[in-house]
Amino acid sequence: MENLLEVKNLQVHYETDKETVYAVNGVSFTIQNGETLGLVGETGAGKSILLGSVTLALGGKYNAQMLRNGAKSGLVELTFHIKEEKILKKLEALDIYPEDGYLTLSRRLLEGRSVSKINGETVNMSVLKDVASLLIDIHGQHDNQTLLHRKNHLTLLDLYGKEQTDPLKEKMASCYQEWKAVCKKVEQSSLDEESRRRELSLAEFEVNEIEEAALIPDEDETLEDRYRKLSNARRIMETAQMVHGMTGYEQGAADMTGNALKEFSRIVDYDKELAPLQEALGEIDSLLSDFCRDLSSYMDSLTFDEETFFETEKRLDLINSLKAKYGQTIPEILSYQKEQQEKLEKLQKFEENFQFLKEKLVQSEKILEEASHELSEIRKEYSKQLDEKIIDGLKELNFADVDFSIRFDRRKNYTDNGYDAVEYEISTNPGESRKPLGQIVSGGELSRIMLAIKAILADKDQIDTLIFDEIDTGISGRTAQKVSEKMAVIGQHRQVLCITHLPQIAAMADTHFEIEKHVEGTETITQIHPLEGEESVRELARLLGGAEITPAVLGNAREMKELAQQQKNTRLK
């Protein structure tokens, strides 16, 4: 037989305040295709921890304390051999392609983080979990409690009919989001009349105020330059006159430079080196002449118009007032005006727009109702099938007169998953009416109900590997025998790995592995090894008789194993 699951050198430890406890140390085993495997051992030996490590490889929660003391990294790998065409297509949809039919999921555990890979290529955690959900289903003893919460009932129903419901649920979610968006717009538009009038009045005032100002881009800069000039006109004139006197031709710099140039010209012929100096002095004389002429012209044009001054001041005050209310610059003020103009137009068309939104809401809700109804009808159709399958499955698990049904209620509000609210109802005694699951069933009954549902869903999804972690809580005797038979039936077409304390369930397994813990020096060591022949019988005897294994108990164990084998060879084949 080929190996379906292989574990090599698994190590798990926990840090305490006093010591490091090695819960699992150096465990290796394989699970072959087509066999039901049972893991047995004392409580605390490391059975559930072993499955916890498998869960870790499938994307379970990780922290650095899980690493062995002194180790910088760890590695967990699971290799699956995939033959089902249906699973291969689903993997292809996730852009995952097995190599020669094999798919290896690995997770490198580092300090503070982990790295997940599929066939050597790094993937994020969501992809790892999506792939894992197609390959293996782990059911622990605490999973039964999910049946007590009504919100989980619809999830399980949708899993059963997912091929039909998934496309409708996508459509439903889209319709719901559209409806919610319209609802929000209607809510935002639902202003009372007084509030609308206030907003309308304010928008009109602001738009008109900015329009009347007739703002021109950059005019504030031009006005500020003019205001500065007019405000300082007297000082400008006084200073200009003083400078003109200092630089002019009436005993000023220009007059003195002209006289200097005349005197210099009388000696320039005596030395050719004086020529450049004469030229430079001439340029100075020319520049002073131009400056005096330009300054004189500026002084002639400089006037102070009081009316112009006041108009400029008034205009600047208006612009600065608008800046204080609507923006720091003229472009910002104009942008605000545009926004308010658009708002004003919407407010003026409020009734028209609001009526349009209400009509759109009615249409959107109609589409949502149709999508919800379509999804609900498909669910009801599948619920009848699921009812029958669960009843059949429960009868196989020693529910003699069981009556099971899925009740549908309509929620008050729509959700992105439709308007359905479902609840599982059951009657385990003849003559009693069905009641909600959480009100009447015991822990042992929950285990069996969940086993029946898991078996149905596994068959629906074609999941190759099922792991049951101590789901035998609260059951014994004939019921335990029925549970073992059910798992044996599942094991005919699926790989089943079961951790159990019950001999009835362990006896039905094709292969036994024992997990045991012992101390070597200062370390606690966990080992796992296969049980064959009398070893398997002896472990069954331990489960039957406790610490003291008498010949009678051994005989009972041997008979139990033989009867289990006969059961599989006859009824189950």
Protein backbone atom coordinates (compact mmCIF):
# COMPACT_ATOMS: atom_id res chain seq x y z
CA MET A 1 0.00 0.00 0.00
CA GLU A 2 1.08 3.58 -0.62
CA ASN A 3 1.55 6.04 2.20
CA LEU A 4 -1.18 8.68 2.49
CA LEU A 5 0.30 10.55 5.45
CA GLU A 6 3.86 10.44 6.77
CA VAL A 7 5.24 12.08 9.92
CA LYS A 8 8.98 12.16 10.59
CA ASN A 9 10.81 13.13 13.78
CA LEU A 10 7.98 15.18 15.28
CA GLN A 11 8.97 17.13 18.40
CA VAL A 12 6.69 19.25 20.59
CA HIS A 13 7.55 20.79 23.96
CA TYR A 14 6.17 23.33 26.43
CA GLU A 15 8.05 25.79 28.61
CA THR A 16 6.94 26.06 32.25
CA ASP A 17 8.24 28.18 35.11
CA LYS A 18 10.25 25.25 36.44
CA GLU A 19 11.16 23.06 33.48
CA THR A 20 10.83 22.19 29.81
CA VAL A 21 8.27 19.42 29.21
CA TYR A 22 8.90 17.36 26.07
CA ALA A 23 5.37 16.33 25.18
CA VAL A 24 6.37 14.70 21.88
CA ASN A 25 9.99 13.84 21.07
CA GLY A 26 11.15 12.12 17.89
CA VAL A 27 7.80 10.65 16.73
CA SER A 28 7.63 9.13 13.24
CA PHE A 29 4.83 7.16 11.59
CA THR A 30 2.99 6.61 8.30
CA ILE A 31 -0.67 6.15 7.44
CA GLN A 32 -1.35 3.96 4.45
CA ASN A 33 -4.13 4.43 1.98
CA GLY A 34 -7.33 2.50 2.69
CA GLU A 35 -6.79 1.78 6.38
CA THR A 36 -8.46 2.93 9.56
CA LEU A 37 -5.83 3.80 12.12
CA GLY A 38 -6.27 4.06 15.88
CA LEU A 39 -4.01 5.94 18.26
CA VAL A 40 -4.11 4.67 21.84
CA GLY A 41 -2.26 5.50 25.01
CA GLU A 42 -2.58 6.89 28.50
CA THR A 43 -4.11 10.29 29.09
CA GLY A 44 -1.36 12.88 28.71
CA ALA A 45 0.88 10.62 26.64
CA GLY A 46 0.76 13.05 23.72
CA LYS A 47 -2.04 11.83 21.45
CA SER A 48 -3.83 15.15 21.02
CA ILE A 49 -0.54 17.02 20.89
CA LEU A 50 0.41 14.87 17.94
CA LEU A 51 -2.70 15.98 16.11
CA GLY A 52 -2.02 19.53 17.23
CA SER A 53 1.21 19.36 15.27
CA VAL A 54 -0.67 18.15 12.22
CA THR A 55 -3.04 21.08 12.68
CA LEU A 56 -0.03 23.40 12.84
CA ALA A 57 1.11 22.18 9.42
CA LEU A 58 -2.37 22.96 8.12
CA GLY A 59 -2.23 26.60 9.24
CA GLY A 60 -3.01 26.37 12.96
CA LYS A 61 -1.98 29.03 15.47
CA TYR A 62 1.74 29.15 16.24
CA ASN A 63 3.93 30.84 18.82
CA ALA A 64 7.69 30.70 19.36
CA GLN A 65 7.34 28.77 22.65
CA MET A 66 6.44 25.70 20.62
CA LEU A 67 10.06 25.41 19.46
CA ARG A 68 12.35 23.01 21.33
CA ASN A 69 14.55 24.73 23.88
CA GLY A 70 17.69 25.98 22.17
CA ALA A 71 16.35 25.38 18.66
CA LYS A 72 16.17 28.29 16.21
CA SER A 73 13.70 26.65 13.88
CA GLY A 74 11.42 23.68 13.33
CA LEU A 75 9.71 22.06 10.37
CA VAL A 76 6.38 20.31 9.97
CA GLU A 77 5.54 18.64 6.66
CA LEU A 78 2.52 16.71 5.41
CA THR A 79 2.53 14.93 2.06
CA PHE A 80 -0.75 13.97 0.37
CA HIS A 81 -1.34 11.69 -2.60
CA ILE A 82 -4.28 13.11 -4.53
CA LYS A 83 -6.27 11.04 -7.02
CA GLU A 84 -9.75 12.58 -6.97
CA GLU A 85 -10.35 14.60 -10.11
CA LYS A 86 -12.76 16.82 -8.22
CA ILE A 87 -10.09 17.79 -5.68
CA LEU A 88 -7.54 18.36 -8.44
CA LYS A 89 -9.89 20.83 -10.15
CA LYS A 90 -10.49 22.70 -6.90
CA LEU A 91 -6.73 22.91 -6.33
CA GLU A 92 -6.29 24.17 -9.88
CA ALA A 93 -8.80 26.94 -9.12
CA LEU A 94 -6.46 27.97 -6.28
CA ASP A 95 -3.51 27.88 -8.70
CA ILE A 96 -2.08 24.82 -6.91
CA TYR A 97 -0.79 21.91 -8.98
CA PRO A 98 0.37 18.59 -7.45
CA GLU A 99 3.58 17.04 -8.77
CA ASP A 100 2.92 13.49 -9.99
CA GLY A 101 -0.20 13.47 -7.82
CA TYR A 102 1.66 14.45 -4.63
CA LEU A 103 1.25 17.64 -2.66
CA THR A 104 3.52 18.58 0.24
CA LEU A 105 2.42 21.18 2.78
CA SER A 106 5.30 22.46 4.89
CA ARG A 107 5.64 25.07 7.58
CA ARG A 108 9.01 26.34 8.77
CA LEU A 109 8.71 27.53 12.37
CA LEU A 110 10.99 30.41 13.32
CA GLU A 111 11.28 32.65 16.36
CA GLY A 112 8.22 34.88 16.22
CA ARG A 113 7.06 33.89 12.75
CA SER A 114 6.56 31.01 10.34
CA VAL A 115 6.93 30.39 6.60
CA SER A 116 4.43 28.19 4.76
CA LYS A 117 5.12 26.42 1.47
CA ILE A 118 3.25 24.13 -0.90
CA ASN A 119 5.52 21.94 -3.03
CA GLY A 120 8.40 24.28 -2.22
CA GLU A 121 6.63 27.53 -3.19
CA THR A 122 5.91 30.07 -0.47
CA VAL A 123 2.21 30.81 0.12
CA ASN A 124 0.30 32.99 2.56
CA MET A 125 -1.68 31.48 5.42
CA SER A 126 -5.09 31.88 3.78
CA VAL A 127 -4.01 29.82 0.75
CA LEU A 128 -2.53 27.14 3.03
CA LYS A 129 -5.82 26.87 4.95
CA ASP A 130 -7.89 26.79 1.73
CA VAL A 131 -5.80 23.92 0.39
CA ALA A 132 -5.85 22.07 3.73
CA SER A 133 -9.65 22.26 3.85
CA LEU A 134 -9.79 20.24 0.63
CA LEU A 135 -7.47 17.50 1.86
CA ILE A 136 -8.19 16.75 5.50
CA ASP A 137 -10.88 17.24 8.14
CA ILE A 138 -9.92 17.23 11.82
CA HIS A 139 -12.72 16.74 14.31
CA GLY A 140 -11.92 17.22 18.00
CA GLN A 141 -13.93 16.58 21.13
CA HIS A 142 -14.73 20.27 21.54
CA ASP A 143 -16.11 20.64 18.03
CA ASN A 144 -19.35 19.04 19.19
CA GLN A 145 -20.19 22.27 21.01
CA THR A 146 -20.62 24.04 17.69
CA LEU A 147 -23.94 22.21 17.36
CA LEU A 148 -25.21 24.05 20.44
CA HIS A 149 -24.93 27.40 18.68
CA ARG A 150 -27.72 28.07 16.25
CA LYS A 151 -25.57 30.34 14.10
CA ASN A 152 -23.48 27.30 13.06
CA HIS A 153 -26.45 25.29 11.83
CA LEU A 154 -26.82 27.32 8.63
CA THR A 155 -23.09 27.00 7.97
CA LEU A 156 -23.28 23.20 8.11
CA LEU A 157 -26.33 23.17 5.85
CA ASP A 158 -24.55 25.38 3.30
CA LEU A 159 -21.53 23.07 3.39
CA TYR A 160 -23.78 20.18 2.43
CA GLY A 161 -25.29 22.00 -0.55
CA LYS A 162 -22.30 24.19 -1.39
CA GLU A 163 -22.18 23.30 -5.10
CA GLN A 164 -25.64 24.84 -5.53
CA THR A 165 -25.60 27.43 -2.76
CA ASP A 166 -22.14 28.98 -3.31
CA PRO A 167 -23.03 30.69 -6.64
CA LEU A 168 -26.31 31.93 -5.16
CA LYS A 169 -24.51 33.19 -2.03
CA GLU A 170 -22.11 35.20 -4.20
CA LYS A 171 -25.10 36.70 -6.02
CA MET A 172 -26.79 37.29 -2.68
CA ALA A 173 -23.77 39.13 -1.25
CA SER A 174 -23.61 41.39 -4.32
CA CYS A 175 -27.32 42.24 -4.10
CA TYR A 176 -26.99 42.93 -0.39
CA GLN A 177 -24.08 45.33 -0.84
CA GLU A 178 -25.99 47.21 -3.55
CA TRP A 179 -29.06 47.44 -1.31
CA LYS A 180 -27.00 48.66 1.66
CA ALA A 181 -25.38 51.36 -0.49
CA VAL A 182 -28.80 52.65 -1.60
CA CYS A 183 -30.06 52.53 1.99
CA LYS A 184 -27.15 54.70 3.07
CA LYS A 185 -27.86 57.23 0.32
CA VAL A 186 -31.53 57.38 1.28
CA GLU A 187 -30.59 57.86 4.93
CA GLN A 188 -28.17 60.64 4.05
CA SER A 189 -30.82 62.31 1.91
CA SER A 190 -33.57 62.03 4.49
CA LEU A 191 -33.24 65.57 5.83
CA ASP A 192 -36.23 67.17 7.51
CA GLU A 193 -37.74 70.13 5.73
CA GLU A 194 -36.48 72.75 8.20
CA SER A 195 -32.92 71.43 8.01
CA ARG A 196 -33.08 71.39 4.22
CA ARG A 197 -34.32 74.99 4.16
CA ARG A 198 -31.47 76.11 6.42
CA GLU A 199 -28.88 74.42 4.25
CA LEU A 200 -30.48 75.80 1.11
CA SER A 201 -30.51 79.35 2.50
CA LEU A 202 -26.89 79.15 3.62
CA ALA A 203 -25.71 77.73 0.30
CA GLU A 204 -27.56 80.46 -1.63
CA PHE A 205 -26.05 83.21 0.55
CA GLU A 206 -22.50 81.90 0.21
CA VAL A 207 -22.71 81.38 -3.56
CA ASN A 208 -24.21 84.85 -4.08
CA GLU A 209 -21.67 86.53 -1.83
CA ILE A 210 -18.75 85.05 -3.77
CA GLU A 211 -20.41 85.72 -7.14
CA GLU A 212 -21.03 89.40 -6.27
CA ALA A 213 -17.37 89.82 -5.37
CA ALA A 214 -16.45 88.97 -9.01
CA LEU A 215 -13.03 87.75 -7.98
CA ILE A 216 -10.18 87.71 -10.47
CA PRO A 217 -7.26 85.31 -9.98
CA ASP A 218 -4.16 87.07 -8.55
CA GLU A 219 -5.94 90.39 -8.18
CA ASP A 220 -5.23 90.36 -4.44
CA GLU A 221 -1.49 90.53 -5.14
CA THR A 222 -1.95 93.49 -7.53
CA LEU A 223 -4.13 95.32 -5.01
CA GLU A 224 -1.70 94.73 -2.18
CA ASP A 225 1.15 96.23 -4.28
CA ARG A 226 -0.98 99.28 -5.11
CA TYR A 227 -2.10 99.70 -1.50
CA ARG A 228 1.49 99.66 -0.27
CA LYS A 229 2.46 102.33 -2.83
CA LEU A 230 -0.47 104.63 -2.04
CA SER A 231 -0.08 104.21 1.71
CA ASN A 232 3.54 105.32 1.51
CA ALA A 233 3.26 107.96 -1.30
CA ARG A 234 4.40 110.93 0.87
CA ARG A 235 7.46 109.13 2.16
CA ILE A 236 8.29 107.95 -1.35
CA MET A 237 8.13 111.57 -2.71
CA GLU A 238 10.23 113.05 0.10
CA THR A 239 12.93 110.39 -0.25
CA ALA A 240 12.95 110.64 -4.04
CA GLN A 241 13.41 114.45 -3.88
CA MET A 242 16.26 114.07 -1.42
CA VAL A 243 17.98 111.45 -3.58
CA HIS A 244 17.42 113.62 -6.69
CA GLY A 245 19.18 116.51 -4.98
CA MET A 246 22.08 114.33 -3.95
CA THR A 247 22.56 112.84 -7.41
CA GLY A 248 21.46 115.74 -9.70
CA TYR A 249 23.20 118.54 -11.56
CA GLU A 250 22.70 121.28 -9.03
CA GLN A 251 25.67 120.59 -6.80
CA GLY A 252 24.85 116.90 -6.82
CA ALA A 253 26.75 113.80 -7.82
CA ALA A 254 25.95 114.24 -11.53
CA ASP A 255 27.24 117.84 -11.49
CA MET A 256 30.43 116.86 -9.72
CA THR A 257 31.00 113.83 -11.97
CA GLY A 258 30.59 116.04 -15.07
CA ASN A 259 33.20 118.51 -13.76
CA ALA A 260 35.52 115.66 -12.88
CA LEU A 261 35.19 114.23 -16.40
CA LYS A 262 36.15 117.68 -17.90
CA GLU A 263 39.22 117.97 -15.71
CA PHE A 264 40.26 114.37 -16.44
CA SER A 265 40.08 114.95 -20.21
CA ARG A 266 42.86 117.59 -19.93
CA ILE A 267 45.43 115.04 -18.80
CA VAL A 268 44.37 111.87 -20.66
CA ASP A 269 46.59 112.73 -23.64
CA TYR A 270 49.65 112.70 -21.43
CA ASP A 271 49.38 108.96 -20.59
CA LYS A 272 47.61 106.29 -22.61
CA GLU A 273 46.96 104.26 -19.40
CA LEU A 274 44.51 106.98 -18.34
CA ALA A 275 42.20 106.17 -21.27
CA PRO A 276 40.37 103.23 -19.55
CA LEU A 277 39.85 105.36 -16.46
CA GLN A 278 38.41 108.17 -18.57
CA GLU A 279 36.07 105.64 -20.22
CA ALA A 280 34.90 104.26 -16.84
CA LEU A 281 34.25 107.77 -15.52
CA GLY A 282 32.29 108.51 -18.66
CA GLU A 283 30.06 105.45 -18.04
CA ILE A 284 29.46 106.62 -14.46
CA ASP A 285 28.49 110.06 -15.73
CA SER A 286 26.14 108.48 -18.25
CA LEU A 287 24.52 106.17 -15.65
CA LEU A 288 24.01 109.10 -13.26
CA SER A 289 22.47 111.09 -16.03
CA ASP A 290 20.04 108.22 -16.91
CA PHE A 291 19.22 107.67 -13.24
CA CYS A 292 18.49 111.35 -12.63
CA ARG A 293 16.29 111.52 -15.73
CA ASP A 294 14.32 108.33 -14.75
CA LEU A 295 13.94 109.49 -11.15
CA SER A 296 12.70 112.85 -12.28
CA SER A 297 10.19 111.18 -14.61
CA TYR A 298 8.98 108.89 -11.76
CA MET A 299 8.53 111.94 -9.48
CA ASP A 300 6.52 113.73 -12.15
CA SER A 301 4.19 110.71 -12.52
CA LEU A 302 3.80 110.09 -8.79
CA THR A 303 0.39 111.22 -7.68
CA PHE A 304 -1.85 110.40 -4.70
CA ASP A 305 -5.52 109.88 -5.48
CA GLU A 306 -7.44 109.60 -2.23
CA GLU A 307 -10.44 108.00 -3.92
CA THR A 308 -8.25 105.35 -5.55
CA PHE A 309 -6.66 104.70 -2.18
CA PHE A 310 -9.98 104.16 -0.44
CA GLU A 311 -11.36 101.96 -3.25
CA THR A 312 -8.23 99.80 -3.11
CA GLU A 313 -8.50 99.49 0.67
CA LYS A 314 -12.19 98.59 0.45
CA ARG A 315 -11.55 95.92 -2.20
CA LEU A 316 -8.77 94.36 -0.13
CA ASP A 317 -11.01 94.28 2.95
CA LEU A 318 -13.68 92.42 0.96
CA ILE A 319 -11.21 89.85 -0.39
CA ASN A 320 -9.68 89.28 3.06
CA SER A 321 -13.16 88.83 4.52
CA LEU A 322 -13.92 86.12 1.93
CA LYS A 323 -10.56 84.48 2.65
CA ALA A 324 -11.44 84.28 6.35
CA LYS A 325 -14.66 82.38 5.53
CA TYR A 326 -14.04 80.34 2.40
CA GLY A 327 -10.32 79.82 1.75
CA GLN A 328 -6.84 81.24 2.12
CA THR A 329 -6.47 82.11 -1.58
CA ILE A 330 -8.73 83.30 -4.38
CA PRO A 331 -8.54 79.87 -6.16
CA GLU A 332 -9.64 78.19 -2.92
CA ILE A 333 -12.57 80.60 -2.58
CA LEU A 334 -13.66 79.93 -6.16
CA SER A 335 -13.35 76.16 -5.57
CA TYR A 336 -15.57 76.45 -2.49
CA GLN A 337 -18.07 78.40 -4.54
CA LYS A 338 -18.21 75.57 -7.08
CA GLU A 339 -18.81 72.98 -4.35
CA GLN A 340 -21.59 75.04 -2.79
CA GLN A 341 -23.14 75.62 -6.21
CA GLU A 342 -23.31 71.85 -6.75
CA LYS A 343 -24.78 71.39 -3.27
CA LEU A 344 -27.28 74.13 -3.96
CA GLU A 345 -28.41 72.44 -7.16
CA LYS A 346 -28.85 69.13 -5.29
CA LEU A 347 -30.86 70.81 -2.55
CA GLN A 348 -33.01 72.56 -5.12
CA LYS A 349 -33.62 69.20 -6.77
CA PHE A 350 -34.04 67.44 -3.42
CA GLU A 351 -37.53 66.14 -3.94
CA GLU A 352 -36.72 64.86 -7.41
CA ASN A 353 -33.52 63.15 -6.26
CA PHE A 354 -35.10 61.77 -3.10
CA GLN A 355 -37.97 60.27 -5.02
CA PHE A 356 -35.49 58.69 -7.44
CA LEU A 357 -33.54 57.15 -4.53
CA LYS A 358 -36.72 55.79 -2.95
CA GLU A 359 -37.69 54.15 -6.22
CA LYS A 360 -34.16 52.73 -6.56
CA LEU A 361 -34.39 51.40 -2.99
CA VAL A 362 -37.67 49.64 -3.74
CA GLN A 363 -36.15 48.07 -6.86
CA SER A 364 -32.95 47.10 -5.01
CA GLU A 365 -34.95 45.52 -2.18
CA LYS A 366 -37.07 43.62 -4.69
CA ILE A 367 -33.94 42.17 -6.28
CA LEU A 368 -32.58 41.35 -2.82
CA GLU A 369 -35.82 39.64 -1.84
CA GLU A 370 -35.77 37.54 -5.02
CA ALA A 371 -32.15 36.52 -4.44
CA SER A 372 -32.89 35.67 -0.79
CA HIS A 373 -35.94 33.65 -1.79
CA GLU A 374 -34.03 31.74 -4.46
CA LEU A 375 -31.27 30.90 -1.98
CA SER A 376 -33.80 29.93 0.69
CA GLU A 377 -35.65 27.57 -1.65
CA ILE A 378 -32.42 25.80 -2.59
CA ARG A 379 -31.57 25.48 1.09
CA LYS A 380 -34.96 24.01 1.91
CA GLU A 381 -34.56 21.50 -0.88
CA TYR A 382 -31.19 20.39 0.43
CA SER A 383 -32.39 20.45 4.03
CA LYS A 384 -34.87 17.67 3.25
CA GLN A 385 -32.07 15.54 1.87
CA LEU A 386 -29.87 16.34 4.84
CA ASP A 387 -32.72 15.50 7.25
CA GLU A 388 -33.01 12.01 5.81
CA LYS A 389 -29.26 11.42 5.72
CA ILE A 390 -28.80 12.56 9.33
CA ILE A 391 -31.68 10.37 10.52
CA ASP A 392 -30.20 7.36 8.71
CA GLY A 393 -26.77 8.16 10.13
CA LEU A 394 -28.12 8.54 13.67
CA LYS A 395 -29.97 5.22 13.48
CA GLU A 396 -26.66 3.62 12.56
CA LEU A 397 -25.23 5.23 15.71
CA ASN A 398 -27.78 3.65 18.08
CA PHE A 399 -30.51 6.31 17.93
CA ALA A 400 -33.36 3.84 17.63
CA ASP A 401 -36.39 6.17 17.33
CA VAL A 402 -34.83 9.45 16.36
CA ASP A 403 -36.71 12.25 14.63
CA PHE A 404 -34.59 15.05 13.19
CA SER A 405 -35.57 18.13 11.22
CA ILE A 406 -34.14 21.49 10.15
CA ARG A 407 -36.51 24.35 10.95
CA PHE A 408 -36.44 27.51 8.85
CA ASP A 409 -37.27 30.95 10.23
CA ARG A 410 -37.11 34.29 8.51
CA ARG A 411 -34.86 36.94 9.99
CA LYS A 412 -36.26 40.39 10.62
CA ASN A 413 -33.50 41.94 8.57
CA TYR A 414 -31.64 41.00 5.42
CA THR A 415 -28.01 39.83 5.63
CA ASP A 416 -25.35 39.16 3.02
CA ASN A 417 -26.23 35.48 3.54
CA GLY A 418 -29.95 35.88 2.90
CA TYR A 419 -32.83 36.04 5.35
CA ASP A 420 -32.72 32.43 6.55
CA ALA A 421 -32.24 31.46 10.18
CA VAL A 422 -32.19 27.72 10.68
CA GLU A 423 -32.19 25.55 13.77
CA TYR A 424 -31.68 21.82 14.15
CA GLU A 425 -34.46 20.11 16.08
CA ILE A 426 -34.44 16.54 17.35
CA SER A 427 -36.48 14.04 19.30
CA THR A 428 -34.62 11.03 20.67
CA ASN A 429 -37.61 9.41 22.40
CA PRO A 430 -40.84 8.09 20.83
CA GLY A 431 -43.89 10.29 21.44
CA GLU A 432 -41.87 13.41 22.19
CA SER A 433 -42.01 16.42 19.91
CA ARG A 434 -38.89 17.79 18.33
CA LYS A 435 -37.06 20.46 20.30
CA PRO A 436 -33.95 22.56 19.62
CA LEU A 437 -30.80 20.46 19.64
CA GLY A 438 -29.13 22.34 22.47
CA GLN A 439 -32.04 21.82 24.85
CA ILE A 440 -32.28 18.05 25.01
CA VAL A 441 -29.14 16.22 23.90
CA SER A 442 -26.31 15.01 26.11
CA GLY A 443 -22.59 15.23 25.43
CA GLY A 444 -22.49 11.68 24.12
CA GLU A 445 -25.44 12.32 21.83
CA LEU A 446 -23.77 15.46 20.51
CA SER A 447 -20.69 13.40 19.64
CA ARG A 448 -22.75 10.95 17.63
CA ILE A 449 -24.77 13.65 15.88
CA MET A 450 -21.58 15.47 14.89
CA LEU A 451 -20.05 12.20 13.69
CA ALA A 452 -23.10 11.59 11.50
CA ILE A 453 -22.89 15.13 10.06
CA LYS A 454 -19.13 14.84 9.52
CA ALA A 455 -19.59 11.58 7.68
CA ILE A 456 -22.21 13.15 5.40
CA LEU A 457 -20.15 16.26 4.69
CA ALA A 458 -17.00 14.21 4.09
CA ASP A 459 -18.85 12.16 1.50
CA LYS A 460 -20.18 15.35 -0.09
CA ASP A 461 -16.77 17.07 -0.25
CA GLN A 462 -14.83 13.92 -1.10
CA ILE A 463 -12.28 14.68 1.62
CA ASP A 464 -9.80 11.80 1.64
CA THR A 465 -8.57 12.03 5.24
CA LEU A 466 -10.67 12.35 8.41
CA ILE A 467 -9.13 12.71 11.87
CA PHE A 468 -11.26 12.15 14.99
CA ASP A 469 -9.70 13.34 18.25
CA GLU A 470 -11.40 11.73 21.26
CA ILE A 471 -14.96 12.20 20.03
CA ASP A 472 -16.00 9.24 22.18
CA THR A 473 -16.57 11.50 25.19
CA GLY A 474 -19.75 10.57 27.03
CA ILE A 475 -20.46 7.28 25.26
CA SER A 476 -19.85 3.63 26.09
CA GLY A 477 -21.15 0.09 25.61
CA ARG A 478 -23.35 -0.58 22.61
CA THR A 479 -23.29 3.06 21.56
CA ALA A 480 -19.51 2.98 21.38
CA GLN A 481 -19.76 -0.15 19.25
CA LYS A 482 -22.09 1.64 16.84
CA VAL A 483 -19.71 4.60 16.63
CA SER A 484 -16.85 2.26 15.82
CA GLU A 485 -18.89 0.58 13.09
CA LYS A 486 -19.75 3.98 11.60
CA MET A 487 -16.10 4.97 11.46
CA ALA A 488 -15.25 1.61 9.93
CA VAL A 489 -17.82 2.25 7.18
CA ILE A 490 -16.29 5.65 6.54
CA GLY A 491 -12.86 4.03 6.52
CA GLN A 492 -13.84 1.86 3.56
CA HIS A 493 -13.60 4.90 1.27
CA ARG A 494 -11.68 7.43 3.37
CA GLN A 495 -8.53 7.50 5.39
CA VAL A 496 -9.58 7.60 9.08
CA LEU A 497 -7.24 8.45 11.94
CA CYS A 498 -8.86 8.10 15.36
CA ILE A 499 -7.59 8.95 18.84
CA THR A 500 -9.64 7.07 21.42
CA HIS A 501 -9.82 5.68 24.95
CA LEU A 502 -12.60 3.20 24.17
CA PRO A 503 -11.70 -0.43 23.35
CA GLN A 504 -14.81 -0.84 21.17
CA ILE A 505 -13.57 1.89 18.83
CA ALA A 506 -9.90 0.89 18.98
CA ALA A 507 -10.75 -2.75 18.17
CA MET A 508 -12.35 -1.73 14.87
CA ALA A 509 -9.17 -0.09 13.57
CA ASP A 510 -7.10 -1.82 10.90
CA THR A 511 -3.86 -0.53 12.40
CA HIS A 512 -2.94 0.46 15.96
CA PHE A 513 -0.30 2.92 17.09
CA GLU A 514 0.48 3.37 20.77
CA ILE A 515 1.71 6.66 22.13
CA GLU A 516 3.57 6.40 25.42
CA LYS A 517 5.61 8.71 27.59
CA HIS A 518 8.62 7.88 29.79
CA VAL A 519 11.54 9.66 31.45
CA GLU A 520 15.14 9.33 30.26
CA GLY A 521 17.48 11.13 32.63
CA THR A 522 16.08 14.64 32.99
CA GLU A 523 14.00 14.56 29.82
CA THR A 524 10.45 13.40 29.23
CA ILE A 525 10.32 11.37 26.02
CA THR A 526 7.21 10.56 23.98
CA GLN A 527 7.36 7.66 21.56
CA ILE A 528 4.95 6.19 19.06
CA HIS A 529 5.12 2.72 17.63
CA PRO A 530 2.81 0.29 15.83
CA LEU A 531 1.06 -2.51 17.70
CA GLU A 532 0.86 -5.86 16.00
CA GLY A 533 -0.71 -9.15 16.97
CA GLU A 534 -0.65 -9.71 20.71
CA GLU A 535 0.65 -6.20 21.34
CA SER A 536 -2.60 -4.84 19.96
CA VAL A 537 -4.61 -7.32 22.04
CA ARG A 538 -2.70 -6.35 25.19
CA GLU A 539 -3.42 -2.66 24.67
CA LEU A 540 -7.10 -3.42 24.16
CA ALA A 541 -6.95 -5.38 27.42
CA ARG A 542 -5.47 -2.34 29.15
CA LEU A 543 -8.34 -0.23 27.90
CA LEU A 544 -10.78 -2.87 29.13
CA GLY A 545 -9.27 -3.75 32.49
CA GLY A 546 -7.06 -0.91 33.60
CA ALA A 547 -3.68 -1.43 35.27
CA GLU A 548 -4.11 -5.15 36.04
CA ILE A 549 -4.40 -7.27 32.94
CA THR A 550 -5.70 -10.73 33.83
CA PRO A 551 -5.99 -13.71 31.49
CA ALA A 552 -9.75 -13.15 31.44
CA VAL A 553 -9.32 -9.58 30.33
CA LEU A 554 -6.85 -10.67 27.66
CA GLY A 555 -9.38 -13.22 26.46
CA ASN A 556 -12.09 -10.55 26.25
CA ALA A 557 -9.75 -8.27 24.34
CA ARG A 558 -8.83 -11.02 21.89
CA GLU A 559 -12.49 -11.86 21.36
CA MET A 560 -13.36 -8.19 20.86
CA LYS A 561 -10.72 -7.85 18.16
CA GLU A 562 -11.84 -11.04 16.41
CA LEU A 563 -15.48 -9.96 16.48
CA ALA A 564 -14.52 -6.55 15.10
CA GLN A 565 -12.67 -8.25 12.24
CA GLN A 566 -15.67 -10.48 11.54
CA GLN A 567 -17.91 -7.44 11.55
CA LYS A 568 -15.74 -5.73 8.92
CA ASN A 569 -15.51 -8.92 6.83
CA THR A 570 -19.26 -9.43 6.71
CA ARG A 571 -21.56 -6.50 7.42
CA LEU A 572 -19.22 -3.77 6.32
CA LYS A 573 -18.04 -5.34 3.06
